[in-house]
Amino acid sequence: MNLLASPRKQHALDLFLGLPDRYHRMGAVLSFGQDPRWRRALVASVEASPDDRVLDVATGTGLVAEALVRRYGCSVVGLDQSEAMLAGARHRVAARPELGRRLELVHAEAEELPFEDASFDAVTFTYLLRYVDDPAATMRELARVLKPGGRMASLEFGVPRSPLLHALWQAYTRLGLPAIGRLASREWYDVGRFLGPSISAFDERHPEPALRSLWADAGVPLRGLRRMSFGAGVVLWGVREPADVS
């Protein structure tokens, strides 16, 4: 156990400890195949070039990091606070030697990135802000390492707005996710029980105006917000404002 971790962060570390082996497959199953589609939309929003250096925070088993390398030929640093998830990412890289030349994996926290200011041409993060104690401070830290004019893009779960779809989503996330997770393992059952309430709580605290303010206050005003799969997945992207030279 990390004695310095807050209860929220320690819970996240414990939650993902037993997941890497089947992470990408279970993510696709639990989302009815939508999670891979959302990740592709996230990667497409980056619009990197082969010369770019991209930071992928909360990289997990490296799904987005690998997709960035394959789509753009750019160099990627994949960062995660979970050694267990990074072990899964290292396994992916080891099985694909062509990735090793352009993908570096780093164990660190989003709240305290081990990089100089303006080190990256783009920054991505996936399902991150629900797990940090201070989303605003984390956003500022992510923006710190992004070059002025660089893109930041993220993927987060959302909540459908239609009353009927919201009711169906509520039933699935509270009953269906745990039931499907139980078929896989005790760890995935715990994830299934956790996700629905976690997603709802974050959405209540950060409706769209609050999300836009969160990004703008970090110096990366949103330029795109795309709700996918009836609002169950949300892809956001913005551009860091030029440095103040006044």
C-alpha atoms as a PDB file:
ATOM      1  CA  MET A   1       0.000   0.000   0.000  1.00  0.00           C
ATOM      2  CA  ASN A   2       1.164   3.518  -0.798  1.00  0.00           C
ATOM      3  CA  LEU A   3       1.124   5.225   2.613  1.00  0.00           C
ATOM      4  CA  LEU A   4       1.170   8.668   0.980  1.00  0.00           C
ATOM      5  CA  ALA A   5      -1.887   8.064  -1.194  1.00  0.00           C
ATOM      6  CA  SER A   6      -5.226   9.591  -0.285  1.00  0.00           C
ATOM      7  CA  PRO A   7      -8.143   7.182   0.233  1.00  0.00           C
ATOM      8  CA  ARG A   8      -9.482   8.064  -3.234  1.00  0.00           C
ATOM      9  CA  LYS A   9      -6.162   7.374  -4.941  1.00  0.00           C
ATOM     10  CA  GLN A  10      -5.476   4.234  -2.922  1.00  0.00           C
ATOM     11  CA  HIS A  11      -8.891   2.895  -3.866  1.00  0.00           C
ATOM     12  CA  ALA A  12      -8.075   3.487  -7.534  1.00  0.00           C
ATOM     13  CA  LEU A  13      -4.761   1.670  -7.169  1.00  0.00           C
ATOM     14  CA  ASP A  14      -6.397  -1.263  -5.418  1.00  0.00           C
ATOM     15  CA  LEU A  15      -9.261  -1.360  -7.925  1.00  0.00           C
ATOM     16  CA  PHE A  16      -6.986  -1.772 -10.929  1.00  0.00           C
ATOM     17  CA  LEU A  17      -4.517  -4.149  -9.320  1.00  0.00           C
ATOM     18  CA  GLY A  18      -5.992  -7.332 -10.799  1.00  0.00           C
ATOM     19  CA  LEU A  19      -7.276  -6.002 -14.120  1.00  0.00           C
ATOM     20  CA  PRO A  20      -4.445  -5.673 -16.683  1.00  0.00           C
ATOM     21  CA  ASP A  21      -4.604  -9.174 -18.178  1.00  0.00           C
ATOM     22  CA  ARG A  22      -8.066  -8.664 -19.674  1.00  0.00           C
ATOM     23  CA  TYR A  23      -8.430  -4.904 -19.444  1.00  0.00           C
ATOM     24  CA  HIS A  24      -8.997  -4.062 -23.110  1.00  0.00           C
ATOM     25  CA  ARG A  25     -11.306  -7.022 -23.709  1.00  0.00           C
ATOM     26  CA  MET A  26     -13.444  -6.384 -20.646  1.00  0.00           C
ATOM     27  CA  GLY A  27     -13.615  -2.672 -21.416  1.00  0.00           C
ATOM     28  CA  ALA A  28     -15.069  -3.512 -24.806  1.00  0.00           C
ATOM     29  CA  VAL A  29     -17.503  -6.059 -23.353  1.00  0.00           C
ATOM     30  CA  LEU A  30     -18.794  -3.838 -20.548  1.00  0.00           C
ATOM     31  CA  SER A  31     -19.350  -0.927 -22.962  1.00  0.00           C
ATOM     32  CA  PHE A  32     -20.974  -3.076 -25.681  1.00  0.00           C
ATOM     33  CA  GLY A  33     -18.009  -2.382 -27.948  1.00  0.00           C
ATOM     34  CA  GLN A  34     -18.134   1.399 -27.490  1.00  0.00           C
ATOM     35  CA  ASP A  35     -14.951   1.935 -25.452  1.00  0.00           C
ATOM     36  CA  PRO A  36     -12.648   1.117 -28.428  1.00  0.00           C
ATOM     37  CA  ARG A  37     -14.733   3.467 -30.586  1.00  0.00           C
ATOM     38  CA  TRP A  38     -14.420   6.275 -28.036  1.00  0.00           C
ATOM     39  CA  ARG A  39     -10.670   5.771 -27.819  1.00  0.00           C
ATOM     40  CA  ARG A  40     -10.366   6.005 -31.611  1.00  0.00           C
ATOM     41  CA  ALA A  41     -12.251   9.314 -31.508  1.00  0.00           C
ATOM     42  CA  LEU A  42      -9.902  10.563 -28.784  1.00  0.00           C
ATOM     43  CA  VAL A  43      -6.840   9.669 -30.845  1.00  0.00           C
ATOM     44  CA  ALA A  44      -8.337  11.270 -33.979  1.00  0.00           C
ATOM     45  CA  SER A  45      -8.856  14.552 -32.107  1.00  0.00           C
ATOM     46  CA  VAL A  46      -5.128  14.909 -31.391  1.00  0.00           C
ATOM     47  CA  GLU A  47      -4.013  15.446 -35.008  1.00  0.00           C
ATOM     48  CA  ALA A  48      -0.334  14.863 -34.184  1.00  0.00           C
ATOM     49  CA  SER A  49       2.562  14.780 -36.629  1.00  0.00           C
ATOM     50  CA  PRO A  50       5.433  12.267 -36.804  1.00  0.00           C
ATOM     51  CA  ASP A  51       7.799  14.772 -35.180  1.00  0.00           C
ATOM     52  CA  ASP A  52       5.542  15.380 -32.189  1.00  0.00           C
ATOM     53  CA  ARG A  53       6.116  14.169 -28.652  1.00  0.00           C
ATOM     54  CA  VAL A  54       2.849  13.215 -26.939  1.00  0.00           C
ATOM     55  CA  LEU A  55       2.160  12.501 -23.274  1.00  0.00           C
ATOM     56  CA  ASP A  56      -0.589   9.960 -22.558  1.00  0.00           C
ATOM     57  CA  VAL A  57      -1.605  10.204 -18.900  1.00  0.00           C
ATOM     58  CA  ALA A  58      -3.490   7.373 -17.174  1.00  0.00           C
ATOM     59  CA  THR A  59      -2.205   5.228 -20.004  1.00  0.00           C
ATOM     60  CA  GLY A  60      -3.245   1.999 -18.278  1.00  0.00           C
ATOM     61  CA  THR A  61      -2.199  -0.913 -20.476  1.00  0.00           C
ATOM     62  CA  GLY A  62      -1.172   1.479 -23.243  1.00  0.00           C
ATOM     63  CA  LEU A  63      -4.191   1.275 -25.552  1.00  0.00           C
ATOM     64  CA  VAL A  64      -4.273   4.976 -26.443  1.00  0.00           C
ATOM     65  CA  ALA A  65      -0.483   5.289 -26.435  1.00  0.00           C
ATOM     66  CA  GLU A  66      -0.166   2.454 -28.939  1.00  0.00           C
ATOM     67  CA  ALA A  67      -2.932   3.904 -31.106  1.00  0.00           C
ATOM     68  CA  LEU A  68      -1.193   7.299 -31.173  1.00  0.00           C
ATOM     69  CA  VAL A  69       2.070   5.726 -32.344  1.00  0.00           C
ATOM     70  CA  ARG A  70       0.340   3.657 -34.999  1.00  0.00           C
ATOM     71  CA  ARG A  71      -1.815   6.498 -36.349  1.00  0.00           C
ATOM     72  CA  TYR A  72       0.709   9.339 -36.344  1.00  0.00           C
ATOM     73  CA  GLY A  73       4.163   7.783 -36.043  1.00  0.00           C
ATOM     74  CA  CYS A  74       4.835  10.192 -33.173  1.00  0.00           C
ATOM     75  CA  SER A  75       6.828   9.558 -30.008  1.00  0.00           C
ATOM     76  CA  VAL A  76       4.678   8.855 -26.953  1.00  0.00           C
ATOM     77  CA  VAL A  77       5.319   8.800 -23.228  1.00  0.00           C
ATOM     78  CA  GLY A  78       2.696   6.682 -21.466  1.00  0.00           C
ATOM     79  CA  LEU A  79       2.342   7.524 -17.773  1.00  0.00           C
ATOM     80  CA  ASP A  80       0.328   5.809 -15.046  1.00  0.00           C
ATOM     81  CA  GLN A  81       0.268   5.686 -11.240  1.00  0.00           C
ATOM     82  CA  SER A  82      -0.434   1.930 -11.239  1.00  0.00           C
ATOM     83  CA  GLU A  83       2.544  -0.392 -11.595  1.00  0.00           C
ATOM     84  CA  ALA A  84       0.132  -3.244 -12.290  1.00  0.00           C
ATOM     85  CA  MET A  85      -1.376  -1.454 -15.286  1.00  0.00           C
ATOM     86  CA  LEU A  86       2.055  -0.427 -16.544  1.00  0.00           C
ATOM     87  CA  ALA A  87       3.106  -4.071 -16.390  1.00  0.00           C
ATOM     88  CA  GLY A  88       0.295  -4.778 -18.831  1.00  0.00           C
ATOM     89  CA  ALA A  89       1.518  -1.940 -21.042  1.00  0.00           C
ATOM     90  CA  ARG A  90       5.079  -3.279 -20.958  1.00  0.00           C
ATOM     91  CA  HIS A  91       3.756  -6.664 -22.046  1.00  0.00           C
ATOM     92  CA  ARG A  92       2.061  -5.005 -25.028  1.00  0.00           C
ATOM     93  CA  VAL A  93       5.276  -3.214 -25.980  1.00  0.00           C
ATOM     94  CA  ALA A  94       7.375  -6.360 -25.599  1.00  0.00           C
ATOM     95  CA  ALA A  95       5.033  -8.210 -27.959  1.00  0.00           C
ATOM     96  CA  ARG A  96       5.284  -5.411 -30.524  1.00  0.00           C
ATOM     97  CA  PRO A  97       8.963  -4.422 -30.919  1.00  0.00           C
ATOM     98  CA  GLU A  98       8.114  -1.654 -33.388  1.00  0.00           C
ATOM     99  CA  LEU A  99       6.372   0.174 -30.540  1.00  0.00           C
ATOM    100  CA  GLY A 100       9.405   0.130 -28.285  1.00  0.00           C
ATOM    101  CA  ARG A 101      11.242   2.613 -30.469  1.00  0.00           C
ATOM    102  CA  ARG A 102       8.544   5.261 -30.040  1.00  0.00           C
ATOM    103  CA  LEU A 103       6.785   4.425 -26.771  1.00  0.00           C
ATOM    104  CA  GLU A 104       8.265   5.079 -23.325  1.00  0.00           C
ATOM    105  CA  LEU A 105       6.448   4.068 -20.133  1.00  0.00           C
ATOM    106  CA  VAL A 106       6.748   6.041 -16.909  1.00  0.00           C
ATOM    107  CA  HIS A 107       5.454   5.360 -13.392  1.00  0.00           C
ATOM    108  CA  ALA A 108       4.268   8.669 -11.931  1.00  0.00           C
ATOM    109  CA  GLU A 109       1.180  10.615 -10.888  1.00  0.00           C
ATOM    110  CA  ALA A 110      -0.803  13.091 -12.948  1.00  0.00           C
ATOM    111  CA  GLU A 111      -0.756  15.570 -10.070  1.00  0.00           C
ATOM    112  CA  GLU A 112       3.056  15.779 -10.110  1.00  0.00           C
ATOM    113  CA  LEU A 113       4.436  15.111 -13.562  1.00  0.00           C
ATOM    114  CA  PRO A 114       8.220  14.497 -13.768  1.00  0.00           C
ATOM    115  CA  PHE A 115       8.690  16.726 -16.821  1.00  0.00           C
ATOM    116  CA  GLU A 116       9.781  20.277 -17.583  1.00  0.00           C
ATOM    117  CA  ASP A 117       7.318  22.979 -18.571  1.00  0.00           C
ATOM    118  CA  ALA A 118       6.131  22.840 -22.197  1.00  0.00           C
ATOM    119  CA  SER A 119       7.762  19.448 -22.814  1.00  0.00           C
ATOM    120  CA  PHE A 120       5.059  17.968 -25.061  1.00  0.00           C
ATOM    121  CA  ASP A 121       3.330  18.858 -28.316  1.00  0.00           C
ATOM    122  CA  ALA A 122       0.120  17.151 -27.160  1.00  0.00           C
ATOM    123  CA  VAL A 123      -1.313  15.631 -23.986  1.00  0.00           C
ATOM    124  CA  THR A 124      -4.038  12.988 -23.742  1.00  0.00           C
ATOM    125  CA  PHE A 125      -5.734  11.423 -20.749  1.00  0.00           C
ATOM    126  CA  THR A 126      -8.444   8.809 -20.354  1.00  0.00           C
ATOM    127  CA  TYR A 127     -10.863   8.277 -17.448  1.00  0.00           C
ATOM    128  CA  LEU A 128      -8.564  10.281 -15.179  1.00  0.00           C
ATOM    129  CA  LEU A 129     -10.312  13.110 -13.368  1.00  0.00           C
ATOM    130  CA  ARG A 130     -12.720  10.891 -11.398  1.00  0.00           C
ATOM    131  CA  TYR A 131      -9.716   9.397  -9.601  1.00  0.00           C
ATOM    132  CA  VAL A 132      -7.872  12.539  -8.485  1.00  0.00           C
ATOM    133  CA  ASP A 133      -8.546  14.582  -5.366  1.00  0.00           C
ATOM    134  CA  ASP A 134      -8.268  17.985  -7.078  1.00  0.00           C
ATOM    135  CA  PRO A 135      -9.293  17.947 -10.769  1.00  0.00           C
ATOM    136  CA  ALA A 136      -8.541  21.669 -11.202  1.00  0.00           C
ATOM    137  CA  ALA A 137      -4.978  21.336  -9.894  1.00  0.00           C
ATOM    138  CA  THR A 138      -4.476  18.216 -12.011  1.00  0.00           C
ATOM    139  CA  MET A 139      -5.650  20.043 -15.118  1.00  0.00           C
ATOM    140  CA  ARG A 140      -3.194  22.853 -14.415  1.00  0.00           C
ATOM    141  CA  GLU A 141      -0.380  20.327 -14.050  1.00  0.00           C
ATOM    142  CA  LEU A 142      -1.309  18.658 -17.345  1.00  0.00           C
ATOM    143  CA  ALA A 143      -1.389  22.059 -19.044  1.00  0.00           C
ATOM    144  CA  ARG A 144       1.996  22.959 -17.554  1.00  0.00           C
ATOM    145  CA  VAL A 145       3.839  20.339 -19.598  1.00  0.00           C
ATOM    146  CA  LEU A 146       1.948  21.176 -22.820  1.00  0.00           C
ATOM    147  CA  LYS A 147       3.524  23.580 -25.278  1.00  0.00           C
ATOM    148  CA  PRO A 148       1.580  26.755 -26.065  1.00  0.00           C
ATOM    149  CA  GLY A 149      -0.543  25.992 -29.103  1.00  0.00           C
ATOM    150  CA  GLY A 150      -0.449  22.261 -28.320  1.00  0.00           C
ATOM    151  CA  ARG A 151      -3.552  20.091 -28.124  1.00  0.00           C
ATOM    152  CA  MET A 152      -4.964  18.443 -25.050  1.00  0.00           C
ATOM    153  CA  ALA A 153      -7.594  15.722 -25.487  1.00  0.00           C
ATOM    154  CA  SER A 154      -9.441  13.491 -23.076  1.00  0.00           C
ATOM    155  CA  LEU A 155     -12.005  10.725 -22.872  1.00  0.00           C
ATOM    156  CA  GLU A 156     -14.402  10.433 -19.964  1.00  0.00           C
ATOM    157  CA  PHE A 157     -17.569   8.518 -19.240  1.00  0.00           C
ATOM    158  CA  GLY A 158     -20.780  10.505 -19.467  1.00  0.00           C
ATOM    159  CA  VAL A 159     -24.426  10.170 -18.489  1.00  0.00           C
ATOM    160  CA  PRO A 160     -27.196  10.155 -21.132  1.00  0.00           C
ATOM    161  CA  ARG A 161     -29.452  13.212 -20.918  1.00  0.00           C
ATOM    162  CA  SER A 162     -32.657  11.698 -22.318  1.00  0.00           C
ATOM    163  CA  PRO A 163     -34.906  10.550 -19.421  1.00  0.00           C
ATOM    164  CA  LEU A 164     -35.531   7.154 -21.038  1.00  0.00           C
ATOM    165  CA  LEU A 165     -31.888   6.559 -21.940  1.00  0.00           C
ATOM    166  CA  HIS A 166     -30.801   7.793 -18.530  1.00  0.00           C
ATOM    167  CA  ALA A 167     -33.093   5.263 -16.863  1.00  0.00           C
ATOM    168  CA  LEU A 168     -31.715   2.464 -19.041  1.00  0.00           C
ATOM    169  CA  TRP A 169     -28.147   3.612 -18.368  1.00  0.00           C
ATOM    170  CA  GLN A 170     -28.860   3.739 -14.631  1.00  0.00           C
ATOM    171  CA  ALA A 171     -30.237   0.201 -14.651  1.00  0.00           C
ATOM    172  CA  TYR A 172     -27.306  -1.132 -16.646  1.00  0.00           C
ATOM    173  CA  THR A 173     -24.576   0.571 -14.627  1.00  0.00           C
ATOM    174  CA  ARG A 174     -26.116  -0.402 -11.265  1.00  0.00           C
ATOM    175  CA  LEU A 175     -27.201  -3.955 -12.129  1.00  0.00           C
ATOM    176  CA  GLY A 176     -25.736  -5.054 -15.458  1.00  0.00           C
ATOM    177  CA  LEU A 177     -22.122  -3.999 -14.913  1.00  0.00           C
ATOM    178  CA  PRO A 178     -21.713  -5.874 -11.612  1.00  0.00           C
ATOM    179  CA  ALA A 179     -23.461  -8.938 -13.024  1.00  0.00           C
ATOM    180  CA  ILE A 180     -21.227  -9.099 -16.098  1.00  0.00           C
ATOM    181  CA  GLY A 181     -18.163  -8.330 -14.006  1.00  0.00           C
ATOM    182  CA  ARG A 182     -18.964 -11.180 -11.641  1.00  0.00           C
ATOM    183  CA  LEU A 183     -18.781 -13.606 -14.569  1.00  0.00           C
ATOM    184  CA  ALA A 184     -15.186 -12.523 -15.201  1.00  0.00           C
ATOM    185  CA  SER A 185     -13.667 -12.232 -11.730  1.00  0.00           C
ATOM    186  CA  ARG A 186     -14.063 -10.759  -8.262  1.00  0.00           C
ATOM    187  CA  GLU A 187     -11.944  -7.798  -9.372  1.00  0.00           C
ATOM    188  CA  TRP A 188     -14.226  -7.003 -12.310  1.00  0.00           C
ATOM    189  CA  TYR A 189     -17.286  -7.377 -10.069  1.00  0.00           C
ATOM    190  CA  ASP A 190     -15.812  -4.680  -7.821  1.00  0.00           C
ATOM    191  CA  VAL A 191     -15.188  -2.477 -10.855  1.00  0.00           C
ATOM    192  CA  GLY A 192     -18.750  -3.047 -12.046  1.00  0.00           C
ATOM    193  CA  ARG A 193     -20.149  -1.962  -8.679  1.00  0.00           C
ATOM    194  CA  PHE A 194     -17.890   1.089  -8.547  1.00  0.00           C
ATOM    195  CA  LEU A 195     -18.310   2.547 -12.040  1.00  0.00           C
ATOM    196  CA  GLY A 196     -21.956   3.615 -12.085  1.00  0.00           C
ATOM    197  CA  PRO A 197     -21.947   5.649  -8.847  1.00  0.00           C
ATOM    198  CA  SER A 198     -18.505   7.061  -9.668  1.00  0.00           C
ATOM    199  CA  ILE A 199     -19.584   8.243 -13.116  1.00  0.00           C
ATOM    200  CA  SER A 200     -22.820   9.751 -11.790  1.00  0.00           C
ATOM    201  CA  ALA A 201     -21.044  11.580  -8.966  1.00  0.00           C
ATOM    202  CA  PHE A 202     -18.450  13.092 -11.298  1.00  0.00           C
ATOM    203  CA  ASP A 203     -21.141  14.145 -13.785  1.00  0.00           C
ATOM    204  CA  GLU A 204     -23.135  15.841 -11.033  1.00  0.00           C
ATOM    205  CA  ARG A 205     -20.077  17.765  -9.837  1.00  0.00           C
ATOM    206  CA  HIS A 206     -18.897  18.600 -13.357  1.00  0.00           C
ATOM    207  CA  PRO A 207     -21.748  19.292 -15.770  1.00  0.00           C
ATOM    208  CA  GLU A 208     -20.708  20.718 -19.139  1.00  0.00           C
ATOM    209  CA  PRO A 209     -20.343  24.364 -17.989  1.00  0.00           C
ATOM    210  CA  ALA A 210     -18.124  23.240 -15.108  1.00  0.00           C
ATOM    211  CA  LEU A 211     -16.020  21.097 -17.448  1.00  0.00           C
ATOM    212  CA  ARG A 212     -15.541  24.026 -19.791  1.00  0.00           C
ATOM    213  CA  SER A 213     -14.476  26.217 -16.879  1.00  0.00           C
ATOM    214  CA  LEU A 214     -12.101  23.523 -15.634  1.00  0.00           C
ATOM    215  CA  TRP A 215     -10.298  23.455 -18.966  1.00  0.00           C
ATOM    216  CA  ALA A 216     -10.377  27.218 -19.490  1.00  0.00           C
ATOM    217  CA  ASP A 217      -9.016  27.923 -16.004  1.00  0.00           C
ATOM    218  CA  ALA A 218      -6.074  25.633 -16.803  1.00  0.00           C
ATOM    219  CA  GLY A 219      -5.319  27.706 -19.895  1.00  0.00           C
ATOM    220  CA  VAL A 220      -6.661  25.164 -22.385  1.00  0.00           C
ATOM    221  CA  PRO A 221     -10.116  26.361 -23.479  1.00  0.00           C
ATOM    222  CA  LEU A 222     -12.213  23.653 -25.073  1.00  0.00           C
ATOM    223  CA  ARG A 223     -12.611  23.676 -28.825  1.00  0.00           C
ATOM    224  CA  GLY A 224     -14.540  20.440 -29.081  1.00  0.00           C
ATOM    225  CA  LEU A 225     -16.848  18.356 -26.891  1.00  0.00           C
ATOM    226  CA  ARG A 226     -18.354  15.275 -28.515  1.00  0.00           C
ATOM    227  CA  ARG A 227     -20.927  13.137 -26.744  1.00  0.00           C
ATOM    228  CA  MET A 228     -20.913   9.622 -28.164  1.00  0.00           C
ATOM    229  CA  SER A 229     -23.156   6.575 -27.714  1.00  0.00           C
ATOM    230  CA  PHE A 230     -26.094   8.707 -26.533  1.00  0.00           C
ATOM    231  CA  GLY A 231     -23.805  10.529 -24.103  1.00  0.00           C
ATOM    232  CA  ALA A 232     -22.201   7.536 -22.392  1.00  0.00           C
ATOM    233  CA  GLY A 233     -18.755   8.556 -23.656  1.00  0.00           C
ATOM    234  CA  VAL A 234     -17.437  12.124 -23.931  1.00  0.00           C
ATOM    235  CA  VAL A 235     -14.398  13.186 -25.958  1.00  0.00           C
ATOM    236  CA  LEU A 236     -13.049  16.674 -25.253  1.00  0.00           C
ATOM    237  CA  TRP A 237     -10.187  18.608 -26.782  1.00  0.00           C
ATOM    238  CA  GLY A 238      -8.677  22.056 -26.512  1.00  0.00           C
ATOM    239  CA  VAL A 239      -5.578  24.072 -27.349  1.00  0.00           C
ATOM    240  CA  ARG A 240      -3.261  25.634 -24.797  1.00  0.00           C
ATOM    241  CA  GLU A 241      -3.260  29.377 -25.010  1.00  0.00           C
ATOM    242  CA  PRO A 242      -0.013  31.182 -25.881  1.00  0.00           C
ATOM    243  CA  ALA A 243       2.174  32.124 -22.951  1.00  0.00           C
ATOM    244  CA  ASP A 244       1.547  35.584 -21.524  1.00  0.00           C
ATOM    245  CA  VAL A 245       4.469  37.743 -22.687  1.00  0.00           C
ATOM    246  CA  SER A 246       3.143  41.002 -21.236  1.00  0.00           C
END
